[in-house]
Amino acid sequence: LSELSGLPVEHIYYAKDLMSFPVEILCLDIENKLKWYFITSDRDSVKIYDGHVIYYKDNRETVKELTDRERSEIQEAEDASCKSKLKKIKEFKSKHGHWLY
C-alpha cells in the first residue's frame, strides 16, 4: 500500500468495510463510521479476502470542517450517483433476471 500510494508506512491508516464490494457507504460517513487502524510491520495482521474494500488515508491530514452548503452539495451528488446505480441495477435485473456472482 505504501508503494502504491507513495505514502510512508508510518503515515498510513486503513479501514476495512465489513461488507464486500459493492460497498454502500456515503463518502461523508467514511471518516467517522469506519474504524481506522495503523499498519504494523506484521504482514499477516491485515486479513483481506476477495471482494473486501479497503480504505486508506494519510494520518497527517486533518478532516476539513464542511459548511452546510458544501455538505449539501456532496449529498446531492451522492444522491444522484445512487439513483444512477439503482437504475443500472434495475436494468440489469430486468434484462438478465438474476445476479451474477
PDB file of N, CA and C in Angstrom:
ATOM      1  N   LEU A   1       0.839  -1.188   0.000  1.00  0.00           N
ATOM      2  CA  LEU A   1       0.000   0.000   0.000  1.00  0.00           C
ATOM      3  C   LEU A   1       0.881   1.248   0.000  1.00  0.00           C
ATOM      4  N   SER A   2       1.970   1.170   0.731  1.00  0.00           N
ATOM      5  CA  SER A   2       2.892   2.301   0.758  1.00  0.00           C
ATOM      6  C   SER A   2       3.469   2.556  -0.635  1.00  0.00           C
ATOM      7  N   GLU A   3       3.857   1.486  -1.307  1.00  0.00           N
ATOM      8  CA  GLU A   3       4.410   1.637  -2.653  1.00  0.00           C
ATOM      9  C   GLU A   3       3.374   2.185  -3.630  1.00  0.00           C
ATOM     10  N   LEU A   4       2.149   1.686  -3.549  1.00  0.00           N
ATOM     11  CA  LEU A   4       1.099   2.132  -4.465  1.00  0.00           C
ATOM     12  C   LEU A   4       0.679   3.570  -4.218  1.00  0.00           C
ATOM     13  N   SER A   5       0.617   3.960  -2.949  1.00  0.00           N
ATOM     14  CA  SER A   5       0.115   5.291  -2.602  1.00  0.00           C
ATOM     15  C   SER A   5       1.201   6.358  -2.570  1.00  0.00           C
ATOM     16  N   GLY A   6       2.441   5.922  -2.387  1.00  0.00           N
ATOM     17  CA  GLY A   6       3.521   6.888  -2.238  1.00  0.00           C
ATOM     18  C   GLY A   6       3.628   7.452  -0.829  1.00  0.00           C
ATOM     19  N   LEU A   7       2.832   6.904   0.097  1.00  0.00           N
ATOM     20  CA  LEU A   7       2.863   7.356   1.492  1.00  0.00           C
ATOM     21  C   LEU A   7       3.794   6.468   2.305  1.00  0.00           C
ATOM     22  N   PRO A   8       4.565   7.052   3.210  1.00  0.00           N
ATOM     23  CA  PRO A   8       5.376   6.231   4.105  1.00  0.00           C
ATOM     24  C   PRO A   8       4.466   5.374   4.993  1.00  0.00           C
ATOM     25  N   VAL A   9       4.876   4.153   5.263  1.00  0.00           N
ATOM     26  CA  VAL A   9       4.070   3.212   6.045  1.00  0.00           C
ATOM     27  C   VAL A   9       3.604   3.824   7.354  1.00  0.00           C
ATOM     28  N   GLU A  10       4.465   4.563   8.022  1.00  0.00           N
ATOM     29  CA  GLU A  10       4.108   5.108   9.334  1.00  0.00           C
ATOM     30  C   GLU A  10       3.012   6.175   9.261  1.00  0.00           C
ATOM     31  N   HIS A  11       2.674   6.623   8.055  1.00  0.00           N
ATOM     32  CA  HIS A  11       1.629   7.646   7.902  1.00  0.00           C
ATOM     33  C   HIS A  11       0.345   7.110   7.271  1.00  0.00           C
ATOM     34  N   ILE A  12       0.238   5.786   7.174  1.00  0.00           N
ATOM     35  CA  ILE A  12      -0.959   5.197   6.571  1.00  0.00           C
ATOM     36  C   ILE A  12      -1.879   4.653   7.646  1.00  0.00           C
ATOM     37  N   TYR A  13      -3.124   5.068   7.584  1.00  0.00           N
ATOM     38  CA  TYR A  13      -4.206   4.447   8.352  1.00  0.00           C
ATOM     39  C   TYR A  13      -5.078   3.732   7.334  1.00  0.00           C
ATOM     40  N   TYR A  14      -5.647   2.605   7.723  1.00  0.00           N
ATOM     41  CA  TYR A  14      -6.529   1.894   6.816  1.00  0.00           C
ATOM     42  C   TYR A  14      -7.790   1.467   7.554  1.00  0.00           C
ATOM     43  N   ALA A  15      -8.819   1.233   6.781  1.00  0.00           N
ATOM     44  CA  ALA A  15     -10.087   0.740   7.324  1.00  0.00           C
ATOM     45  C   ALA A  15     -10.640  -0.276   6.347  1.00  0.00           C
ATOM     46  N   LYS A  16     -11.249  -1.319   6.885  1.00  0.00           N
ATOM     47  CA  LYS A  16     -11.918  -2.314   6.055  1.00  0.00           C
ATOM     48  C   LYS A  16     -13.409  -2.168   6.289  1.00  0.00           C
ATOM     49  N   ASP A  17     -14.146  -2.110   5.208  1.00  0.00           N
ATOM     50  CA  ASP A  17     -15.596  -2.095   5.345  1.00  0.00           C
ATOM     51  C   ASP A  17     -16.035  -3.518   5.648  1.00  0.00           C
ATOM     52  N   LEU A  18     -17.006  -3.683   6.524  1.00  0.00           N
ATOM     53  CA  LEU A  18     -17.467  -5.016   6.891  1.00  0.00           C
ATOM     54  C   LEU A  18     -18.194  -5.708   5.747  1.00  0.00           C
ATOM     55  N   MET A  19     -18.644  -4.952   4.805  1.00  0.00           N
ATOM     56  CA  MET A  19     -19.340  -5.521   3.657  1.00  0.00           C
ATOM     57  C   MET A  19     -18.359  -5.683   2.505  1.00  0.00           C
ATOM     58  N   SER A  20     -18.679  -6.577   1.586  1.00  0.00           N
ATOM     59  CA  SER A  20     -17.876  -6.759   0.389  1.00  0.00           C
ATOM     60  C   SER A  20     -18.371  -5.825  -0.708  1.00  0.00           C
ATOM     61  N   PHE A  21     -17.626  -5.786  -1.787  1.00  0.00           N
ATOM     62  CA  PHE A  21     -17.961  -4.952  -2.927  1.00  0.00           C
ATOM     63  C   PHE A  21     -19.295  -5.399  -3.509  1.00  0.00           C
ATOM     64  N   PRO A  22     -20.182  -4.543  -3.945  1.00  0.00           N
ATOM     65  CA  PRO A  22     -20.083  -3.087  -3.891  1.00  0.00           C
ATOM     66  C   PRO A  22     -20.484  -2.556  -2.522  1.00  0.00           C
ATOM     67  N   VAL A  23     -19.729  -1.621  -2.040  1.00  0.00           N
ATOM     68  CA  VAL A  23     -19.957  -1.037  -0.721  1.00  0.00           C
ATOM     69  C   VAL A  23     -20.895   0.151  -0.864  1.00  0.00           C
ATOM     70  N   GLU A  24     -21.791   0.279   0.079  1.00  0.00           N
ATOM     71  CA  GLU A  24     -22.730   1.395   0.035  1.00  0.00           C
ATOM     72  C   GLU A  24     -22.567   2.244   1.285  1.00  0.00           C
ATOM     73  N   ILE A  25     -21.459   2.958   1.356  1.00  0.00           N
ATOM     74  CA  ILE A  25     -21.233   3.897   2.451  1.00  0.00           C
ATOM     75  C   ILE A  25     -21.072   5.276   1.824  1.00  0.00           C
ATOM     76  N   LEU A  26     -21.700   6.244   2.410  1.00  0.00           N
ATOM     77  CA  LEU A  26     -21.603   7.599   1.890  1.00  0.00           C
ATOM     78  C   LEU A  26     -20.220   8.165   2.178  1.00  0.00           C
ATOM     79  N   CYS A  27     -19.706   8.942   1.251  1.00  0.00           N
ATOM     80  CA  CYS A  27     -18.366   9.492   1.458  1.00  0.00           C
ATOM     81  C   CYS A  27     -18.314  10.386   2.688  1.00  0.00           C
ATOM     82  N   LEU A  28     -19.432  11.003   3.039  1.00  0.00           N
ATOM     83  CA  LEU A  28     -19.461  11.841   4.243  1.00  0.00           C
ATOM     84  C   LEU A  28     -19.355  11.007   5.519  1.00  0.00           C
ATOM     85  N   ASP A  29     -19.612   9.704   5.425  1.00  0.00           N
ATOM     86  CA  ASP A  29     -19.585   8.832   6.599  1.00  0.00           C
ATOM     87  C   ASP A  29     -18.279   8.065   6.771  1.00  0.00           C
ATOM     88  N   ILE A  30     -17.445   8.039   5.751  1.00  0.00           N
ATOM     89  CA  ILE A  30     -16.241   7.208   5.782  1.00  0.00           C
ATOM     90  C   ILE A  30     -15.353   7.536   6.975  1.00  0.00           C
ATOM     91  N   GLU A  31     -15.120   8.786   7.231  1.00  0.00           N
ATOM     92  CA  GLU A  31     -14.204   9.180   8.311  1.00  0.00           C
ATOM     93  C   GLU A  31     -14.689   8.721   9.681  1.00  0.00           C
ATOM     94  N   ASN A  32     -15.983   8.835   9.939  1.00  0.00           N
ATOM     95  CA  ASN A  32     -16.491   8.584  11.288  1.00  0.00           C
ATOM     96  C   ASN A  32     -17.138   7.222  11.499  1.00  0.00           C
ATOM     97  N   LYS A  33     -17.587   6.568  10.457  1.00  0.00           N
ATOM     98  CA  LYS A  33     -18.290   5.298  10.633  1.00  0.00           C
ATOM     99  C   LYS A  33     -17.401   4.070  10.455  1.00  0.00           C
ATOM    100  N   LEU A  34     -16.192   4.263   9.957  1.00  0.00           N
ATOM    101  CA  LEU A  34     -15.265   3.147   9.827  1.00  0.00           C
ATOM    102  C   LEU A  34     -14.244   3.211  10.955  1.00  0.00           C
ATOM    103  N   LYS A  35     -13.724   2.060  11.323  1.00  0.00           N
ATOM    104  CA  LYS A  35     -12.687   2.015  12.348  1.00  0.00           C
ATOM    105  C   LYS A  35     -11.331   2.029  11.647  1.00  0.00           C
ATOM    106  N   TRP A  36     -10.504   3.001  12.004  1.00  0.00           N
ATOM    107  CA  TRP A  36      -9.217   3.199  11.351  1.00  0.00           C
ATOM    108  C   TRP A  36      -8.097   2.561  12.166  1.00  0.00           C
ATOM    109  N   TYR A  37      -7.161   1.912  11.458  1.00  0.00           N
ATOM    110  CA  TYR A  37      -6.031   1.224  12.080  1.00  0.00           C
ATOM    111  C   TYR A  37      -4.735   1.717  11.448  1.00  0.00           C
ATOM    112  N   PHE A  38      -3.652   1.617  12.198  1.00  0.00           N
ATOM    113  CA  PHE A  38      -2.350   1.904  11.613  1.00  0.00           C
ATOM    114  C   PHE A  38      -1.761   0.583  11.133  1.00  0.00           C
ATOM    115  N   ILE A  39      -0.862   0.649  10.176  1.00  0.00           N
ATOM    116  CA  ILE A  39      -0.237  -0.550   9.627  1.00  0.00           C
ATOM    117  C   ILE A  39       0.928  -0.947  10.512  1.00  0.00           C
ATOM    118  N   THR A  40       0.949  -2.225  10.873  1.00  0.00           N
ATOM    119  CA  THR A  40       2.071  -2.747  11.650  1.00  0.00           C
ATOM    120  C   THR A  40       3.057  -3.393  10.691  1.00  0.00           C
ATOM    121  N   SER A  41       4.172  -3.818  11.196  1.00  0.00           N
ATOM    122  CA  SER A  41       5.166  -4.479  10.354  1.00  0.00           C
ATOM    123  C   SER A  41       4.777  -5.922  10.054  1.00  0.00           C
ATOM    124  N   ASP A  42       3.810  -6.450  10.782  1.00  0.00           N
ATOM    125  CA  ASP A  42       3.364  -7.823  10.592  1.00  0.00           C
ATOM    126  C   ASP A  42       2.401  -7.896   9.413  1.00  0.00           C
ATOM    127  N   ARG A  43       2.832  -8.485   8.319  1.00  0.00           N
ATOM    128  CA  ARG A  43       2.014  -8.549   7.103  1.00  0.00           C
ATOM    129  C   ARG A  43       0.724  -9.343   7.308  1.00  0.00           C
ATOM    130  N   ASP A  44       0.710 -10.272   8.238  1.00  0.00           N
ATOM    131  CA  ASP A  44      -0.480 -11.089   8.461  1.00  0.00           C
ATOM    132  C   ASP A  44      -1.521 -10.387   9.322  1.00  0.00           C
ATOM    133  N   SER A  45      -1.238  -9.192   9.794  1.00  0.00           N
ATOM    134  CA  SER A  45      -2.183  -8.509  10.673  1.00  0.00           C
ATOM    135  C   SER A  45      -3.404  -7.983   9.920  1.00  0.00           C
ATOM    136  N   VAL A  46      -3.284  -7.817   8.614  1.00  0.00           N
ATOM    137  CA  VAL A  46      -4.400  -7.338   7.807  1.00  0.00           C
ATOM    138  C   VAL A  46      -4.923  -8.511   6.986  1.00  0.00           C
ATOM    139  N   LYS A  47      -6.060  -9.026   7.366  1.00  0.00           N
ATOM    140  CA  LYS A  47      -6.647 -10.146   6.633  1.00  0.00           C
ATOM    141  C   LYS A  47      -7.602  -9.585   5.581  1.00  0.00           C
ATOM    142  N   ILE A  48      -7.259  -9.834   4.339  1.00  0.00           N
ATOM    143  CA  ILE A  48      -8.041  -9.324   3.223  1.00  0.00           C
ATOM    144  C   ILE A  48      -8.524 -10.509   2.398  1.00  0.00           C
ATOM    145  N   TYR A  49      -9.791 -10.475   2.062  1.00  0.00           N
ATOM    146  CA  TYR A  49     -10.376 -11.532   1.251  1.00  0.00           C
ATOM    147  C   TYR A  49     -10.933 -10.938  -0.032  1.00  0.00           C
ATOM    148  N   ASP A  50     -11.094 -11.778  -1.027  1.00  0.00           N
ATOM    149  CA  ASP A  50     -11.620 -11.357  -2.316  1.00  0.00           C
ATOM    150  C   ASP A  50     -12.936 -10.604  -2.131  1.00  0.00           C
ATOM    151  N   GLY A  51     -13.018  -9.435  -2.701  1.00  0.00           N
ATOM    152  CA  GLY A  51     -14.229  -8.631  -2.606  1.00  0.00           C
ATOM    153  C   GLY A  51     -14.215  -7.605  -1.492  1.00  0.00           C
ATOM    154  N   HIS A  52     -13.278  -7.713  -0.556  1.00  0.00           N
ATOM    155  CA  HIS A  52     -13.206  -6.720   0.521  1.00  0.00           C
ATOM    156  C   HIS A  52     -12.774  -5.370  -0.035  1.00  0.00           C
ATOM    157  N   VAL A  53     -13.282  -4.339   0.563  1.00  0.00           N
ATOM    158  CA  VAL A  53     -12.925  -2.979   0.169  1.00  0.00           C
ATOM    159  C   VAL A  53     -12.077  -2.384   1.281  1.00  0.00           C
ATOM    160  N   ILE A  54     -10.936  -1.835   0.897  1.00  0.00           N
ATOM    161  CA  ILE A  54     -10.002  -1.231   1.844  1.00  0.00           C
ATOM    162  C   ILE A  54      -9.932   0.268   1.560  1.00  0.00           C
ATOM    163  N   TYR A  55     -10.048   1.051   2.600  1.00  0.00           N
ATOM    164  CA  TYR A  55      -9.871   2.497   2.505  1.00  0.00           C
ATOM    165  C   TYR A  55      -8.554   2.834   3.181  1.00  0.00           C
ATOM    166  N   TYR A  56      -7.872   3.840   2.687  1.00  0.00           N
ATOM    167  CA  TYR A  56      -6.658   4.281   3.370  1.00  0.00           C
ATOM    168  C   TYR A  56      -6.579   5.798   3.328  1.00  0.00           C
ATOM    169  N   LYS A  57      -5.804   6.322   4.272  1.00  0.00           N
ATOM    170  CA  LYS A  57      -5.629   7.776   4.331  1.00  0.00           C
ATOM    171  C   LYS A  57      -4.269   8.097   4.929  1.00  0.00           C
ATOM    172  N   ASP A  58      -3.844   9.308   4.681  1.00  0.00           N
ATOM    173  CA  ASP A  58      -2.618   9.842   5.261  1.00  0.00           C
ATOM    174  C   ASP A  58      -2.982  10.377   6.644  1.00  0.00           C
ATOM    175  N   ASN A  59      -2.402   9.798   7.684  1.00  0.00           N
ATOM    176  CA  ASN A  59      -2.790  10.193   9.045  1.00  0.00           C
ATOM    177  C   ASN A  59      -2.289  11.583   9.436  1.00  0.00           C
ATOM    178  N   ARG A  60      -1.549  12.228   8.563  1.00  0.00           N
ATOM    179  CA  ARG A  60      -1.104  13.597   8.837  1.00  0.00           C
ATOM    180  C   ARG A  60      -2.138  14.624   8.391  1.00  0.00           C
ATOM    181  N   GLU A  61      -3.098  14.184   7.575  1.00  0.00           N
ATOM    182  CA  GLU A  61      -4.122  15.107   7.086  1.00  0.00           C
ATOM    183  C   GLU A  61      -5.241  15.254   8.106  1.00  0.00           C
ATOM    184  N   THR A  62      -5.792  16.452   8.169  1.00  0.00           N
ATOM    185  CA  THR A  62      -6.927  16.688   9.062  1.00  0.00           C
ATOM    186  C   THR A  62      -8.200  16.760   8.226  1.00  0.00           C
ATOM    187  N   VAL A  63      -9.298  16.406   8.841  1.00  0.00           N
ATOM    188  CA  VAL A  63     -10.582  16.437   8.154  1.00  0.00           C
ATOM    189  C   VAL A  63     -11.062  17.877   8.060  1.00  0.00           C
ATOM    190  N   LYS A  64     -11.457  18.263   6.869  1.00  0.00           N
ATOM    191  CA  LYS A  64     -11.961  19.619   6.662  1.00  0.00           C
ATOM    192  C   LYS A  64     -13.348  19.739   7.286  1.00  0.00           C
ATOM    193  N   GLU A  65     -13.580  20.820   7.977  1.00  0.00           N
ATOM    194  CA  GLU A  65     -14.907  21.115   8.511  1.00  0.00           C
ATOM    195  C   GLU A  65     -15.736  21.692   7.364  1.00  0.00           C
ATOM    196  N   LEU A  66     -16.786  20.973   6.975  1.00  0.00           N
ATOM    197  CA  LEU A  66     -17.604  21.398   5.844  1.00  0.00           C
ATOM    198  C   LEU A  66     -18.662  22.407   6.269  1.00  0.00           C
ATOM    199  N   THR A  67     -18.925  23.330   5.364  1.00  0.00           N
ATOM    200  CA  THR A  67     -20.046  24.240   5.585  1.00  0.00           C
ATOM    201  C   THR A  67     -21.332  23.474   5.264  1.00  0.00           C
ATOM    202  N   ASP A  68     -22.459  24.008   5.676  1.00  0.00           N
ATOM    203  CA  ASP A  68     -23.740  23.375   5.355  1.00  0.00           C
ATOM    204  C   ASP A  68     -23.921  23.269   3.842  1.00  0.00           C
ATOM    205  N   ARG A  69     -23.500  24.284   3.136  1.00  0.00           N
ATOM    206  CA  ARG A  69     -23.627  24.285   1.668  1.00  0.00           C
ATOM    207  C   ARG A  69     -22.761  23.190   1.047  1.00  0.00           C
ATOM    208  N   GLU A  70     -21.512  23.068   1.489  1.00  0.00           N
ATOM    209  CA  GLU A  70     -20.628  22.028   0.960  1.00  0.00           C
ATOM    210  C   GLU A  70     -21.192  20.637   1.242  1.00  0.00           C
ATOM    211  N   ARG A  71     -21.667  20.442   2.457  1.00  0.00           N
ATOM    212  CA  ARG A  71     -22.250  19.151   2.839  1.00  0.00           C
ATOM    213  C   ARG A  71     -23.464  18.835   1.958  1.00  0.00           C
ATOM    214  N   SER A  72     -24.298  19.836   1.722  1.00  0.00           N
ATOM    215  CA  SER A  72     -25.486  19.668   0.891  1.00  0.00           C
ATOM    216  C   SER A  72     -25.105  19.320  -0.547  1.00  0.00           C
ATOM    217  N   GLU A  73     -24.090  19.991  -1.090  1.00  0.00           N
ATOM    218  CA  GLU A  73     -23.648  19.725  -2.459  1.00  0.00           C
ATOM    219  C   GLU A  73     -23.116  18.301  -2.598  1.00  0.00           C
ATOM    220  N   ILE A  74     -22.357  17.846  -1.613  1.00  0.00           N
ATOM    221  CA  ILE A  74     -21.831  16.480  -1.639  1.00  0.00           C
ATOM    222  C   ILE A  74     -22.981  15.482  -1.552  1.00  0.00           C
ATOM    223  N   GLN A  75     -23.921  15.755  -0.664  1.00  0.00           N
ATOM    224  CA  GLN A  75     -25.074  14.860  -0.504  1.00  0.00           C
ATOM    225  C   GLN A  75     -25.886  14.773  -1.794  1.00  0.00           C
ATOM    226  N   GLU A  76     -26.095  15.904  -2.456  1.00  0.00           N
ATOM    227  CA  GLU A  76     -26.839  15.915  -3.723  1.00  0.00           C
ATOM    228  C   GLU A  76     -26.116  15.095  -4.783  1.00  0.00           C
ATOM    229  N   ALA A  77     -24.793  15.234  -4.860  1.00  0.00           N
ATOM    230  CA  ALA A  77     -24.014  14.467  -5.833  1.00  0.00           C
ATOM    231  C   ALA A  77     -24.102  12.970  -5.540  1.00  0.00           C
ATOM    232  N   GLU A  78     -24.031  12.600  -4.268  1.00  0.00           N
ATOM    233  CA  GLU A  78     -24.139  11.189  -3.900  1.00  0.00           C
ATOM    234  C   GLU A  78     -25.533  10.650  -4.188  1.00  0.00           C
ATOM    235  N   ASP A  79     -26.560  11.437  -3.917  1.00  0.00           N
ATOM    236  CA  ASP A  79     -27.929  11.010  -4.204  1.00  0.00           C
ATOM    237  C   ASP A  79     -28.102  10.743  -5.697  1.00  0.00           C
ATOM    238  N   ALA A  80     -27.569  11.628  -6.532  1.00  0.00           N
ATOM    239  CA  ALA A  80     -27.664  11.450  -7.981  1.00  0.00           C
ATOM    240  C   ALA A  80     -26.919  10.194  -8.412  1.00  0.00           C
ATOM    241  N   SER A  81     -25.756   9.967  -7.822  1.00  0.00           N
ATOM    242  CA  SER A  81     -24.966   8.777  -8.140  1.00  0.00           C
ATOM    243  C   SER A  81     -25.704   7.509  -7.732  1.00  0.00           C
ATOM    244  N   CYS A  82     -26.318   7.517  -6.552  1.00  0.00           N
ATOM    245  CA  CYS A  82     -27.069   6.351  -6.066  1.00  0.00           C
ATOM    246  C   CYS A  82     -28.252   6.055  -6.980  1.00  0.00           C
ATOM    247  N   LYS A  83     -28.961   7.088  -7.402  1.00  0.00           N
ATOM    248  CA  LYS A  83     -30.104   6.893  -8.295  1.00  0.00           C
ATOM    249  C   LYS A  83     -29.648   6.281  -9.614  1.00  0.00           C
ATOM    250  N   SER A  84     -28.505   6.738 -10.116  1.00  0.00           N
ATOM    251  CA  SER A  84     -27.969   6.200 -11.361  1.00  0.00           C
ATOM    252  C   SER A  84     -27.598   4.725 -11.198  1.00  0.00           C
ATOM    253  N   LYS A  85     -26.972   4.381 -10.065  1.00  0.00           N
ATOM    254  CA  LYS A  85     -26.599   2.986  -9.815  1.00  0.00           C
ATOM    255  C   LYS A  85     -27.837   2.104  -9.694  1.00  0.00           C
ATOM    256  N   LEU A  86     -28.849   2.573  -8.974  1.00  0.00           N
ATOM    257  CA  LEU A  86     -30.080   1.796  -8.821  1.00  0.00           C
ATOM    258  C   LEU A  86     -30.755   1.565 -10.168  1.00  0.00           C
ATOM    259  N   LYS A  87     -30.734   2.573 -11.021  1.00  0.00           N
ATOM    260  CA  LYS A  87     -31.319   2.437 -12.353  1.00  0.00           C
ATOM    261  C   LYS A  87     -30.586   1.357 -13.141  1.00  0.00           C
ATOM    262  N   LYS A  88     -29.257   1.356 -13.073  1.00  0.00           N
ATOM    263  CA  LYS A  88     -28.468   0.349 -13.788  1.00  0.00           C
ATOM    264  C   LYS A  88     -28.743  -1.048 -13.246  1.00  0.00           C
ATOM    265  N   ILE A  89     -28.879  -1.172 -11.933  1.00  0.00           N
ATOM    266  CA  ILE A  89     -29.170  -2.471 -11.325  1.00  0.00           C
ATOM    267  C   ILE A  89     -30.531  -2.972 -11.794  1.00  0.00           C
ATOM    268  N   LYS A  90     -31.533  -2.100 -11.793  1.00  0.00           N
ATOM    269  CA  LYS A  90     -32.873  -2.488 -12.247  1.00  0.00           C
ATOM    270  C   LYS A  90     -32.849  -2.911 -13.711  1.00  0.00           C
ATOM    271  N   GLU A  91     -32.112  -2.174 -14.543  1.00  0.00           N
ATOM    272  CA  GLU A  91     -31.999  -2.524 -15.957  1.00  0.00           C
ATOM    273  C   GLU A  91     -31.336  -3.886 -16.122  1.00  0.00           C
ATOM    274  N   PHE A  92     -30.298  -4.128 -15.354  1.00  0.00           N
ATOM    275  CA  PHE A  92     -29.595  -5.410 -15.427  1.00  0.00           C
ATOM    276  C   PHE A  92     -30.516  -6.549 -15.014  1.00  0.00           C
ATOM    277  N   LYS A  93     -31.227  -6.361 -13.905  1.00  0.00           N
ATOM    278  CA  LYS A  93     -32.118  -7.411 -13.408  1.00  0.00           C
ATOM    279  C   LYS A  93     -33.250  -7.691 -14.394  1.00  0.00           C
ATOM    280  N   SER A  94     -33.788  -6.646 -15.009  1.00  0.00           N
ATOM    281  CA  SER A  94     -34.877  -6.874 -15.962  1.00  0.00           C
ATOM    282  C   SER A  94     -34.363  -7.561 -17.228  1.00  0.00           C
ATOM    283  N   LYS A  95     -33.129  -7.291 -17.579  1.00  0.00           N
ATOM    284  CA  LYS A  95     -32.547  -7.891 -18.779  1.00  0.00           C
ATOM    285  C   LYS A  95     -32.106  -9.328 -18.529  1.00  0.00           C
ATOM    286  N   HIS A  96     -31.496  -9.572 -17.369  1.00  0.00           N
ATOM    287  CA  HIS A  96     -30.909 -10.882 -17.085  1.00  0.00           C
ATOM    288  C   HIS A  96     -31.729 -11.707 -16.099  1.00  0.00           C
ATOM    289  N   GLY A  97     -32.558 -11.056 -15.325  1.00  0.00           N
ATOM    290  CA  GLY A  97     -33.426 -11.769 -14.398  1.00  0.00           C
ATOM    291  C   GLY A  97     -32.745 -12.323 -13.165  1.00  0.00           C
ATOM    292  N   HIS A  98     -31.469 -12.091 -13.009  1.00  0.00           N
ATOM    293  CA  HIS A  98     -30.752 -12.594 -11.833  1.00  0.00           C
ATOM    294  C   HIS A  98     -29.422 -11.861 -11.699  1.00  0.00           C
ATOM    295  N   TRP A  99     -28.778 -12.123 -10.601  1.00  0.00           N
ATOM    296  CA  TRP A  99     -27.455 -11.548 -10.332  1.00  0.00           C
ATOM    297  C   TRP A  99     -26.393 -12.549 -10.722  1.00  0.00           C
ATOM    298  N   LEU A 100     -25.294 -12.064 -11.196  1.00  0.00           N
ATOM    299  CA  LEU A 100     -24.136 -12.925 -11.447  1.00  0.00           C
ATOM    300  C   LEU A 100     -23.203 -12.809 -10.270  1.00  0.00           C
ATOM    301  N   TYR A 101     -22.806 -13.910  -9.692  1.00  0.00           N
ATOM    302  CA  TYR A 101     -21.873 -13.896  -8.568  1.00  0.00           C
ATOM    303  C   TYR A 101     -20.595 -14.555  -8.969  1.00  0.00           C
TER     304      TYR A 101
END
